[in-house]
């Protein structure tokens, strides 16, 4: 069990929070466990879940790429909870475990990934492992592939999801503990 006990589903009565939990469960990320832990503080839970869902499921960056990055970040953070979840939408769009594994591995030499995707995957990796490598030249390269708005979307997505994954790891959450 997680270090903080999740609320039971019938203990959550806030309609907006219930809808956010439903939306996350439909997407598959997050499942109901993490939101039920967060539900101990409903206002924060709603803000975090809204941000999580918007950053992952909306925007102008391909959802499959975001899903690969999300799993890469979970593996970097050592988080089995978010690392074990998969987006139903990304799966329906053709993303499979082989692509996800490649995005967490030697993606730089993998011909399946475009130059733009490789840059985004490097962005996710470098932000947490070698932040000093993200400089003006790095962003200039990114601008050859993405608009500045898309770069900000990716950066905010990376920062937010990595933080949530480190948090989930500290809670001892596991996707099998629904």
N, C-alpha and C. Protein backbone atom coordinates (compact mmCIF):
# COMPACT_ATOMS: atom_id res chain seq x y z
N UNK A 1 0.84 -1.20 0.00
CA UNK A 1 0.00 0.00 0.00
C UNK A 1 0.87 1.24 0.00
N UNK A 2 0.36 2.33 -0.57
CA UNK A 2 1.10 3.59 -0.54
C UNK A 2 1.30 4.06 0.91
N UNK A 3 2.28 4.92 1.10
CA UNK A 3 2.57 5.46 2.43
C UNK A 3 1.45 6.35 2.96
N UNK A 4 0.68 6.95 2.07
CA UNK A 4 -0.51 7.73 2.42
C UNK A 4 -1.71 6.95 1.87
N UNK A 5 -2.62 6.60 2.75
CA UNK A 5 -3.78 5.79 2.36
C UNK A 5 -4.68 6.57 1.40
N UNK A 6 -5.05 5.99 0.26
CA UNK A 6 -5.99 6.67 -0.64
C UNK A 6 -7.39 6.67 -0.02
N UNK A 7 -8.15 7.70 -0.33
CA UNK A 7 -9.55 7.71 0.10
C UNK A 7 -10.30 6.62 -0.65
N UNK A 8 -11.32 6.11 -0.03
CA UNK A 8 -12.21 5.18 -0.72
C UNK A 8 -13.05 5.98 -1.72
N UNK A 9 -13.41 5.38 -2.83
CA UNK A 9 -14.17 6.13 -3.83
C UNK A 9 -15.43 6.81 -3.27
N UNK A 10 -16.13 6.17 -2.35
CA UNK A 10 -17.36 6.77 -1.81
C UNK A 10 -17.08 7.91 -0.83
N UNK A 11 -15.83 8.12 -0.46
CA UNK A 11 -15.47 9.22 0.43
C UNK A 11 -15.22 10.52 -0.36
N UNK A 12 -15.18 10.43 -1.67
CA UNK A 12 -14.94 11.60 -2.52
C UNK A 12 -16.29 12.06 -3.05
N UNK A 13 -16.66 13.29 -2.69
CA UNK A 13 -17.98 13.79 -3.05
C UNK A 13 -17.95 15.01 -3.96
N UNK A 14 -16.81 15.61 -4.11
CA UNK A 14 -16.69 16.82 -4.94
C UNK A 14 -16.92 16.44 -6.40
N UNK A 15 -17.94 17.01 -7.05
CA UNK A 15 -18.27 16.61 -8.42
C UNK A 15 -17.14 16.88 -9.42
N UNK A 16 -16.46 18.01 -9.27
CA UNK A 16 -15.36 18.31 -10.20
C UNK A 16 -14.22 17.32 -10.02
N UNK A 17 -13.89 17.01 -8.78
CA UNK A 17 -12.82 16.05 -8.52
C UNK A 17 -13.20 14.67 -9.06
N UNK A 18 -14.44 14.27 -8.86
CA UNK A 18 -14.89 12.98 -9.40
C UNK A 18 -14.78 12.95 -10.92
N UNK A 19 -15.12 14.06 -11.57
CA UNK A 19 -15.01 14.12 -13.04
C UNK A 19 -13.56 14.06 -13.49
N UNK A 20 -12.66 14.73 -12.78
CA UNK A 20 -11.23 14.68 -13.12
C UNK A 20 -10.68 13.26 -12.94
N UNK A 21 -11.11 12.58 -11.89
CA UNK A 21 -10.69 11.20 -11.67
C UNK A 21 -11.21 10.32 -12.81
N UNK A 22 -12.45 10.54 -13.22
CA UNK A 22 -13.04 9.78 -14.33
C UNK A 22 -12.26 10.02 -15.62
N UNK A 23 -11.92 11.29 -15.90
CA UNK A 23 -11.16 11.62 -17.12
C UNK A 23 -9.79 10.97 -17.11
N UNK A 24 -9.12 11.00 -15.97
CA UNK A 24 -7.81 10.36 -15.87
C UNK A 24 -7.90 8.86 -16.09
N UNK A 25 -8.90 8.24 -15.47
CA UNK A 25 -9.09 6.79 -15.63
C UNK A 25 -9.40 6.43 -17.08
N UNK A 26 -10.18 7.27 -17.76
CA UNK A 26 -10.50 7.01 -19.17
C UNK A 26 -9.24 7.11 -20.03
N UNK A 27 -8.37 8.06 -19.73
CA UNK A 27 -7.11 8.20 -20.46
C UNK A 27 -6.14 7.09 -20.06
N UNK A 28 -6.21 6.68 -18.80
CA UNK A 28 -5.30 5.67 -18.30
C UNK A 28 -4.13 6.26 -17.51
N UNK A 29 -4.04 7.58 -17.51
CA UNK A 29 -2.95 8.28 -16.81
C UNK A 29 -3.52 9.55 -16.20
N UNK A 30 -3.67 9.64 -14.92
CA UNK A 30 -3.40 8.60 -13.94
C UNK A 30 -4.60 7.67 -13.82
N UNK A 31 -4.39 6.51 -13.25
CA UNK A 31 -5.53 5.68 -12.90
C UNK A 31 -6.14 6.29 -11.64
N UNK A 32 -7.02 5.61 -10.97
CA UNK A 32 -7.72 6.22 -9.82
C UNK A 32 -6.88 6.30 -8.55
N UNK A 33 -5.79 5.55 -8.44
CA UNK A 33 -5.04 5.51 -7.19
C UNK A 33 -4.44 6.87 -6.81
N UNK A 34 -3.65 7.44 -7.66
CA UNK A 34 -2.98 8.71 -7.34
C UNK A 34 -3.99 9.81 -7.01
N UNK A 35 -5.05 10.00 -7.81
CA UNK A 35 -6.06 11.01 -7.46
C UNK A 35 -6.74 10.74 -6.11
N UNK A 36 -6.94 9.48 -5.75
CA UNK A 36 -7.57 9.17 -4.46
C UNK A 36 -6.64 9.49 -3.30
N UNK A 37 -5.32 9.44 -3.52
CA UNK A 37 -4.38 9.88 -2.50
C UNK A 37 -4.42 11.41 -2.41
N UNK A 38 -4.36 12.06 -3.57
CA UNK A 38 -4.40 13.53 -3.60
C UNK A 38 -5.71 14.08 -3.05
N UNK A 39 -6.78 13.31 -3.12
CA UNK A 39 -8.12 13.77 -2.73
C UNK A 39 -8.21 14.16 -1.26
N UNK A 40 -7.20 13.86 -0.48
CA UNK A 40 -7.18 14.29 0.93
C UNK A 40 -7.15 15.81 1.03
N UNK A 41 -6.74 16.47 -0.04
CA UNK A 41 -6.76 17.92 -0.10
C UNK A 41 -7.39 18.29 -1.46
N UNK A 42 -8.72 18.33 -1.51
CA UNK A 42 -9.44 18.44 -2.78
C UNK A 42 -9.02 19.61 -3.68
N UNK A 43 -8.80 20.78 -3.12
CA UNK A 43 -8.44 21.93 -3.96
C UNK A 43 -7.12 21.67 -4.69
N UNK A 44 -6.14 21.14 -3.99
CA UNK A 44 -4.86 20.81 -4.62
C UNK A 44 -5.04 19.68 -5.62
N UNK A 45 -5.81 18.67 -5.24
CA UNK A 45 -6.04 17.54 -6.13
C UNK A 45 -6.62 18.01 -7.45
N UNK A 46 -7.61 18.89 -7.38
CA UNK A 46 -8.24 19.38 -8.62
C UNK A 46 -7.25 20.17 -9.47
N UNK A 47 -6.47 21.04 -8.83
CA UNK A 47 -5.50 21.83 -9.59
C UNK A 47 -4.45 20.93 -10.24
N UNK A 48 -3.92 19.98 -9.49
CA UNK A 48 -2.90 19.09 -10.04
C UNK A 48 -3.45 18.19 -11.13
N UNK A 49 -4.64 17.65 -10.93
CA UNK A 49 -5.22 16.78 -11.94
C UNK A 49 -5.60 17.54 -13.20
N UNK A 50 -6.11 18.76 -13.06
CA UNK A 50 -6.40 19.57 -14.25
C UNK A 50 -5.11 19.79 -15.04
N UNK A 51 -4.04 20.19 -14.34
CA UNK A 51 -2.76 20.45 -15.01
C UNK A 51 -2.21 19.18 -15.65
N UNK A 52 -2.30 18.08 -14.95
CA UNK A 52 -1.80 16.82 -15.48
C UNK A 52 -2.55 16.44 -16.76
N UNK A 53 -3.86 16.53 -16.72
CA UNK A 53 -4.66 16.16 -17.89
C UNK A 53 -4.46 17.12 -19.05
N UNK A 54 -4.42 18.41 -18.78
CA UNK A 54 -4.20 19.39 -19.86
C UNK A 54 -2.83 19.18 -20.48
N UNK A 55 -1.80 19.05 -19.64
CA UNK A 55 -0.44 18.94 -20.19
C UNK A 55 -0.26 17.65 -20.99
N UNK A 56 -0.92 16.60 -20.60
CA UNK A 56 -0.72 15.32 -21.28
C UNK A 56 -1.64 15.15 -22.48
N UNK A 57 -2.89 15.53 -22.36
CA UNK A 57 -3.88 15.19 -23.38
C UNK A 57 -4.26 16.33 -24.31
N UNK A 58 -3.77 17.53 -24.03
CA UNK A 58 -4.11 18.67 -24.88
C UNK A 58 -2.83 19.30 -25.41
N UNK A 59 -2.99 20.31 -26.26
CA UNK A 59 -1.83 21.02 -26.78
C UNK A 59 -1.54 20.68 -28.23
N UNK A 60 -0.39 21.14 -28.68
CA UNK A 60 -0.02 21.01 -30.09
C UNK A 60 1.18 20.11 -30.33
N UNK A 61 1.55 19.32 -29.33
CA UNK A 61 2.60 18.33 -29.49
C UNK A 61 1.93 16.96 -29.52
N UNK A 62 2.38 16.10 -30.41
CA UNK A 62 1.78 14.78 -30.59
C UNK A 62 1.65 14.02 -29.27
N UNK A 63 0.48 13.51 -29.00
CA UNK A 63 0.21 12.80 -27.74
C UNK A 63 1.08 11.56 -27.59
N UNK A 64 1.33 10.86 -28.70
CA UNK A 64 2.19 9.66 -28.61
C UNK A 64 3.59 10.03 -28.15
N UNK A 65 4.13 11.14 -28.67
CA UNK A 65 5.46 11.59 -28.25
C UNK A 65 5.43 11.96 -26.77
N UNK A 66 4.39 12.65 -26.34
CA UNK A 66 4.28 12.99 -24.92
C UNK A 66 4.23 11.73 -24.06
N UNK A 67 3.56 10.71 -24.53
CA UNK A 67 3.47 9.47 -23.77
C UNK A 67 4.84 8.80 -23.67
N UNK A 68 5.59 8.78 -24.76
CA UNK A 68 6.94 8.21 -24.71
C UNK A 68 7.80 9.00 -23.73
N UNK A 69 7.72 10.32 -23.79
CA UNK A 69 8.48 11.17 -22.87
C UNK A 69 8.04 10.92 -21.43
N UNK A 70 6.74 10.81 -21.20
CA UNK A 70 6.23 10.60 -19.85
C UNK A 70 6.79 9.32 -19.24
N UNK A 71 6.85 8.26 -20.03
CA UNK A 71 7.39 7.00 -19.53
C UNK A 71 8.90 7.11 -19.35
N UNK A 72 9.58 7.76 -20.29
CA UNK A 72 11.03 7.97 -20.14
C UNK A 72 11.31 8.70 -18.82
N UNK A 73 10.54 9.73 -18.52
CA UNK A 73 10.72 10.49 -17.28
C UNK A 73 10.44 9.63 -16.05
N UNK A 74 9.39 8.81 -16.11
CA UNK A 74 9.07 7.94 -14.97
C UNK A 74 10.22 6.97 -14.71
N UNK A 75 10.80 6.47 -15.76
CA UNK A 75 11.94 5.56 -15.59
C UNK A 75 13.14 6.32 -15.02
N UNK A 76 13.36 7.55 -15.47
CA UNK A 76 14.44 8.37 -14.93
C UNK A 76 14.20 8.65 -13.45
N UNK A 77 12.95 8.91 -13.08
CA UNK A 77 12.60 9.21 -11.69
C UNK A 77 12.54 7.95 -10.82
N UNK A 78 12.61 6.77 -11.43
CA UNK A 78 12.49 5.54 -10.66
C UNK A 78 11.09 5.33 -10.11
N UNK A 79 10.08 5.79 -10.86
CA UNK A 79 8.69 5.73 -10.39
C UNK A 79 7.93 4.58 -11.06
N UNK A 80 7.65 3.50 -10.31
CA UNK A 80 6.90 2.39 -10.90
C UNK A 80 5.43 2.71 -11.15
N UNK A 81 4.88 3.69 -10.40
CA UNK A 81 3.46 4.01 -10.59
C UNK A 81 3.23 4.60 -11.99
N UNK A 82 3.77 5.78 -12.26
CA UNK A 82 3.54 6.40 -13.57
C UNK A 82 4.24 5.61 -14.68
N UNK A 83 5.35 4.95 -14.35
CA UNK A 83 6.05 4.13 -15.34
C UNK A 83 5.24 2.93 -15.79
N UNK A 84 4.31 2.47 -14.96
CA UNK A 84 3.49 1.31 -15.29
C UNK A 84 2.16 1.64 -15.95
N UNK A 85 1.81 2.91 -15.99
CA UNK A 85 0.55 3.32 -16.62
C UNK A 85 0.77 3.60 -18.11
N UNK A 86 -0.28 3.40 -18.90
CA UNK A 86 -0.21 3.69 -20.33
C UNK A 86 -1.46 4.44 -20.76
N UNK A 87 -1.25 5.39 -21.65
CA UNK A 87 -2.35 6.17 -22.20
C UNK A 87 -3.14 5.34 -23.20
N UNK A 88 -4.43 5.22 -22.95
CA UNK A 88 -5.31 4.51 -23.88
C UNK A 88 -5.34 5.23 -25.22
N UNK A 89 -5.34 6.55 -25.20
CA UNK A 89 -5.38 7.34 -26.43
C UNK A 89 -4.12 7.09 -27.27
N UNK A 90 -2.95 7.05 -26.63
CA UNK A 90 -1.71 6.80 -27.36
C UNK A 90 -1.70 5.39 -27.94
N UNK A 91 -2.19 4.44 -27.16
CA UNK A 91 -2.27 3.05 -27.64
C UNK A 91 -3.18 2.97 -28.86
N UNK A 92 -4.33 3.66 -28.79
CA UNK A 92 -5.27 3.65 -29.92
C UNK A 92 -4.66 4.30 -31.16
N UNK A 93 -3.71 5.21 -30.95
CA UNK A 93 -3.03 5.88 -32.06
C UNK A 93 -1.84 5.07 -32.57
N UNK A 94 -1.64 3.87 -32.02
CA UNK A 94 -0.61 2.98 -32.54
C UNK A 94 0.66 2.88 -31.72
N UNK A 95 0.74 3.56 -30.61
CA UNK A 95 1.94 3.48 -29.78
C UNK A 95 1.98 2.13 -29.07
N UNK A 96 3.13 1.48 -29.15
CA UNK A 96 3.27 0.19 -28.47
C UNK A 96 4.50 0.20 -27.56
N UNK A 97 4.68 -0.88 -26.82
CA UNK A 97 5.77 -0.97 -25.84
C UNK A 97 7.14 -0.90 -26.50
N UNK A 98 7.25 -1.38 -27.71
CA UNK A 98 8.53 -1.32 -28.41
C UNK A 98 8.97 0.13 -28.64
N UNK A 99 8.03 0.97 -29.07
CA UNK A 99 8.33 2.40 -29.27
C UNK A 99 8.65 3.07 -27.93
N UNK A 100 7.89 2.74 -26.91
CA UNK A 100 8.12 3.32 -25.58
C UNK A 100 9.50 2.95 -25.08
N UNK A 101 9.87 1.68 -25.22
CA UNK A 101 11.20 1.23 -24.78
C UNK A 101 12.29 1.94 -25.58
N UNK A 102 12.08 2.09 -26.87
CA UNK A 102 13.08 2.77 -27.71
C UNK A 102 13.26 4.22 -27.27
N UNK A 103 12.18 4.88 -26.87
CA UNK A 103 12.27 6.26 -26.42
C UNK A 103 13.00 6.43 -25.11
N UNK A 104 13.11 5.35 -24.35
CA UNK A 104 13.85 5.38 -23.09
C UNK A 104 15.26 4.81 -23.27
N UNK A 105 15.56 4.37 -24.47
CA UNK A 105 16.86 3.75 -24.73
C UNK A 105 17.73 4.59 -25.64
N UNK A 106 18.26 3.96 -26.65
CA UNK A 106 19.20 4.61 -27.58
C UNK A 106 18.43 5.24 -28.74
N UNK A 107 17.53 6.14 -28.40
CA UNK A 107 16.67 6.76 -29.41
C UNK A 107 17.45 7.59 -30.42
N UNK A 108 18.60 8.11 -30.03
CA UNK A 108 19.36 9.01 -30.92
C UNK A 108 19.78 8.33 -32.21
N UNK A 109 19.99 7.02 -32.17
CA UNK A 109 20.40 6.29 -33.38
C UNK A 109 19.27 5.44 -33.94
N UNK A 110 18.08 5.62 -33.41
CA UNK A 110 16.93 4.81 -33.83
C UNK A 110 16.22 5.50 -35.00
N UNK A 111 16.19 4.86 -36.18
CA UNK A 111 15.58 5.49 -37.36
C UNK A 111 14.07 5.66 -37.26
N UNK A 112 13.44 5.04 -36.27
CA UNK A 112 11.98 5.22 -36.11
C UNK A 112 11.62 6.64 -35.69
N UNK A 113 12.58 7.33 -35.04
CA UNK A 113 12.30 8.67 -34.54
C UNK A 113 12.80 9.73 -35.51
N UNK A 114 11.96 10.73 -35.72
CA UNK A 114 12.36 11.86 -36.57
C UNK A 114 13.36 12.73 -35.81
N UNK A 115 13.99 13.65 -36.52
CA UNK A 115 14.92 14.59 -35.87
C UNK A 115 14.20 15.40 -34.80
N UNK A 116 12.97 15.79 -35.06
CA UNK A 116 12.18 16.56 -34.09
C UNK A 116 11.91 15.71 -32.84
N UNK A 117 11.51 14.47 -33.02
CA UNK A 117 11.25 13.60 -31.87
C UNK A 117 12.51 13.34 -31.06
N UNK A 118 13.63 13.16 -31.75
CA UNK A 118 14.90 12.95 -31.05
C UNK A 118 15.26 14.17 -30.22
N UNK A 119 15.01 15.36 -30.77
CA UNK A 119 15.30 16.58 -29.99
C UNK A 119 14.42 16.61 -28.73
N UNK A 120 13.13 16.32 -28.88
CA UNK A 120 12.22 16.34 -27.73
C UNK A 120 12.62 15.30 -26.69
N UNK A 121 13.01 14.12 -27.12
CA UNK A 121 13.45 13.08 -26.19
C UNK A 121 14.75 13.49 -25.48
N UNK A 122 15.66 14.15 -26.22
CA UNK A 122 16.88 14.68 -25.58
C UNK A 122 16.53 15.75 -24.57
N UNK A 123 15.58 16.62 -24.92
CA UNK A 123 15.14 17.69 -24.03
C UNK A 123 14.68 17.08 -22.69
N UNK A 124 13.87 16.05 -22.76
CA UNK A 124 13.37 15.40 -21.53
C UNK A 124 14.53 14.80 -20.74
N UNK A 125 15.41 14.11 -21.42
CA UNK A 125 16.52 13.46 -20.73
C UNK A 125 17.49 14.49 -20.13
N UNK A 126 17.86 15.46 -20.92
CA UNK A 126 18.87 16.42 -20.48
C UNK A 126 18.36 17.34 -19.38
N UNK A 127 17.08 17.66 -19.39
CA UNK A 127 16.55 18.57 -18.38
C UNK A 127 16.84 18.06 -16.97
N UNK A 128 16.81 16.75 -16.80
CA UNK A 128 17.01 16.19 -15.47
C UNK A 128 18.36 15.57 -15.23
N UNK A 129 19.04 15.18 -16.28
CA UNK A 129 20.33 14.54 -16.08
C UNK A 129 21.51 15.48 -16.33
N UNK A 130 21.33 16.43 -17.24
CA UNK A 130 22.42 17.33 -17.62
C UNK A 130 21.86 18.69 -18.01
N UNK A 131 21.22 19.36 -17.09
CA UNK A 131 20.54 20.62 -17.40
C UNK A 131 21.48 21.66 -18.00
N UNK A 132 22.76 21.58 -17.68
CA UNK A 132 23.73 22.54 -18.23
C UNK A 132 23.86 22.42 -19.76
N UNK A 133 23.39 21.31 -20.33
CA UNK A 133 23.43 21.14 -21.79
C UNK A 133 22.29 21.86 -22.49
N UNK A 134 21.32 22.35 -21.74
CA UNK A 134 20.19 23.06 -22.35
C UNK A 134 20.52 24.54 -22.33
N UNK A 135 20.99 25.01 -23.46
CA UNK A 135 21.43 26.39 -23.59
C UNK A 135 20.82 27.00 -24.85
N UNK A 136 21.30 28.17 -25.22
CA UNK A 136 20.75 28.87 -26.39
C UNK A 136 20.89 28.02 -27.65
N UNK A 137 22.00 27.34 -27.81
CA UNK A 137 22.20 26.50 -29.00
C UNK A 137 21.21 25.33 -29.02
N UNK A 138 20.95 24.76 -27.84
CA UNK A 138 20.00 23.65 -27.75
C UNK A 138 18.61 24.13 -28.17
N UNK A 139 18.19 25.28 -27.64
CA UNK A 139 16.88 25.81 -28.01
C UNK A 139 16.84 26.23 -29.48
N UNK A 140 17.93 26.73 -30.02
CA UNK A 140 17.97 27.09 -31.44
C UNK A 140 17.72 25.85 -32.29
N UNK A 141 18.32 24.73 -31.89
CA UNK A 141 18.06 23.48 -32.61
C UNK A 141 16.58 23.10 -32.49
N UNK A 142 16.01 23.24 -31.30
CA UNK A 142 14.60 22.93 -31.11
C UNK A 142 13.69 23.77 -31.99
N UNK A 143 14.06 25.03 -32.20
CA UNK A 143 13.24 25.93 -33.03
C UNK A 143 13.24 25.53 -34.50
N UNK A 144 14.16 24.67 -34.90
CA UNK A 144 14.13 24.16 -36.28
C UNK A 144 13.01 23.12 -36.44
N UNK A 145 12.53 22.59 -35.33
CA UNK A 145 11.54 21.52 -35.37
C UNK A 145 10.18 21.92 -34.79
N UNK A 146 10.20 22.84 -33.84
CA UNK A 146 8.99 23.20 -33.11
C UNK A 146 8.84 24.71 -33.02
N UNK A 147 7.60 25.15 -32.86
CA UNK A 147 7.37 26.56 -32.59
C UNK A 147 7.80 26.84 -31.15
N UNK A 148 7.97 28.09 -30.83
CA UNK A 148 8.32 28.43 -29.44
C UNK A 148 7.22 27.99 -28.48
N UNK A 149 5.97 28.09 -28.93
CA UNK A 149 4.85 27.63 -28.08
C UNK A 149 4.96 26.12 -27.83
N UNK A 150 5.30 25.35 -28.84
CA UNK A 150 5.45 23.91 -28.66
C UNK A 150 6.63 23.59 -27.74
N UNK A 151 7.72 24.36 -27.85
CA UNK A 151 8.86 24.15 -26.96
C UNK A 151 8.45 24.44 -25.52
N UNK A 152 7.67 25.48 -25.30
CA UNK A 152 7.19 25.78 -23.94
C UNK A 152 6.24 24.69 -23.47
N UNK A 153 5.40 24.18 -24.36
CA UNK A 153 4.51 23.07 -24.00
C UNK A 153 5.32 21.86 -23.57
N UNK A 154 6.33 21.51 -24.34
CA UNK A 154 7.19 20.38 -23.99
C UNK A 154 7.92 20.62 -22.67
N UNK A 155 8.49 21.80 -22.50
CA UNK A 155 9.23 22.10 -21.27
C UNK A 155 8.35 22.03 -20.04
N UNK A 156 7.17 22.62 -20.12
CA UNK A 156 6.25 22.58 -18.98
C UNK A 156 5.77 21.15 -18.72
N UNK A 157 5.50 20.42 -19.79
CA UNK A 157 5.09 19.01 -19.66
C UNK A 157 6.18 18.21 -18.95
N UNK A 158 7.41 18.36 -19.41
CA UNK A 158 8.54 17.61 -18.83
C UNK A 158 8.70 17.96 -17.36
N UNK A 159 8.72 19.24 -17.04
CA UNK A 159 8.92 19.66 -15.65
C UNK A 159 7.79 19.16 -14.76
N UNK A 160 6.57 19.32 -15.21
CA UNK A 160 5.41 18.94 -14.39
C UNK A 160 5.37 17.43 -14.17
N UNK A 161 5.50 16.67 -15.25
CA UNK A 161 5.36 15.22 -15.11
C UNK A 161 6.51 14.60 -14.34
N UNK A 162 7.72 15.08 -14.55
CA UNK A 162 8.83 14.53 -13.77
C UNK A 162 8.60 14.80 -12.28
N UNK A 163 8.15 16.01 -11.95
CA UNK A 163 7.86 16.33 -10.55
C UNK A 163 6.78 15.44 -9.97
N UNK A 164 5.70 15.21 -10.71
CA UNK A 164 4.63 14.33 -10.23
C UNK A 164 5.14 12.91 -10.04
N UNK A 165 6.04 12.48 -10.92
CA UNK A 165 6.55 11.12 -10.84
C UNK A 165 7.48 10.94 -9.65
N UNK A 166 8.29 11.94 -9.35
CA UNK A 166 9.13 11.86 -8.16
C UNK A 166 8.23 11.82 -6.92
N UNK A 167 7.20 12.65 -6.90
CA UNK A 167 6.24 12.67 -5.79
C UNK A 167 5.58 11.30 -5.64
N UNK A 168 5.09 10.73 -6.74
CA UNK A 168 4.43 9.42 -6.68
C UNK A 168 5.40 8.35 -6.17
N UNK A 169 6.65 8.43 -6.58
CA UNK A 169 7.64 7.45 -6.10
C UNK A 169 7.79 7.53 -4.58
N UNK A 170 7.82 8.76 -4.04
CA UNK A 170 7.98 8.90 -2.59
C UNK A 170 6.77 8.37 -1.84
N UNK A 171 5.61 8.36 -2.48
CA UNK A 171 4.39 7.85 -1.84
C UNK A 171 4.35 6.33 -1.81
N UNK A 172 5.20 5.69 -2.62
CA UNK A 172 5.17 4.24 -2.68
C UNK A 172 3.98 3.71 -3.46
N UNK A 173 3.45 4.53 -4.35
CA UNK A 173 2.28 4.12 -5.16
C UNK A 173 2.71 3.10 -6.21
N UNK A 174 1.80 2.20 -6.54
CA UNK A 174 2.03 1.18 -7.53
C UNK A 174 0.75 1.05 -8.34
N UNK A 175 0.83 0.97 -9.67
CA UNK A 175 -0.41 0.92 -10.46
C UNK A 175 -1.27 -0.31 -10.20
N UNK A 176 -0.74 -1.30 -9.54
CA UNK A 176 -1.52 -2.50 -9.25
C UNK A 176 -2.31 -2.37 -7.96
N UNK A 177 -2.17 -1.25 -7.24
CA UNK A 177 -2.80 -1.06 -5.94
C UNK A 177 -4.09 -0.26 -6.03
N UNK A 178 -4.88 -0.45 -6.99
CA UNK A 178 -6.09 0.36 -7.16
C UNK A 178 -7.03 0.11 -6.03
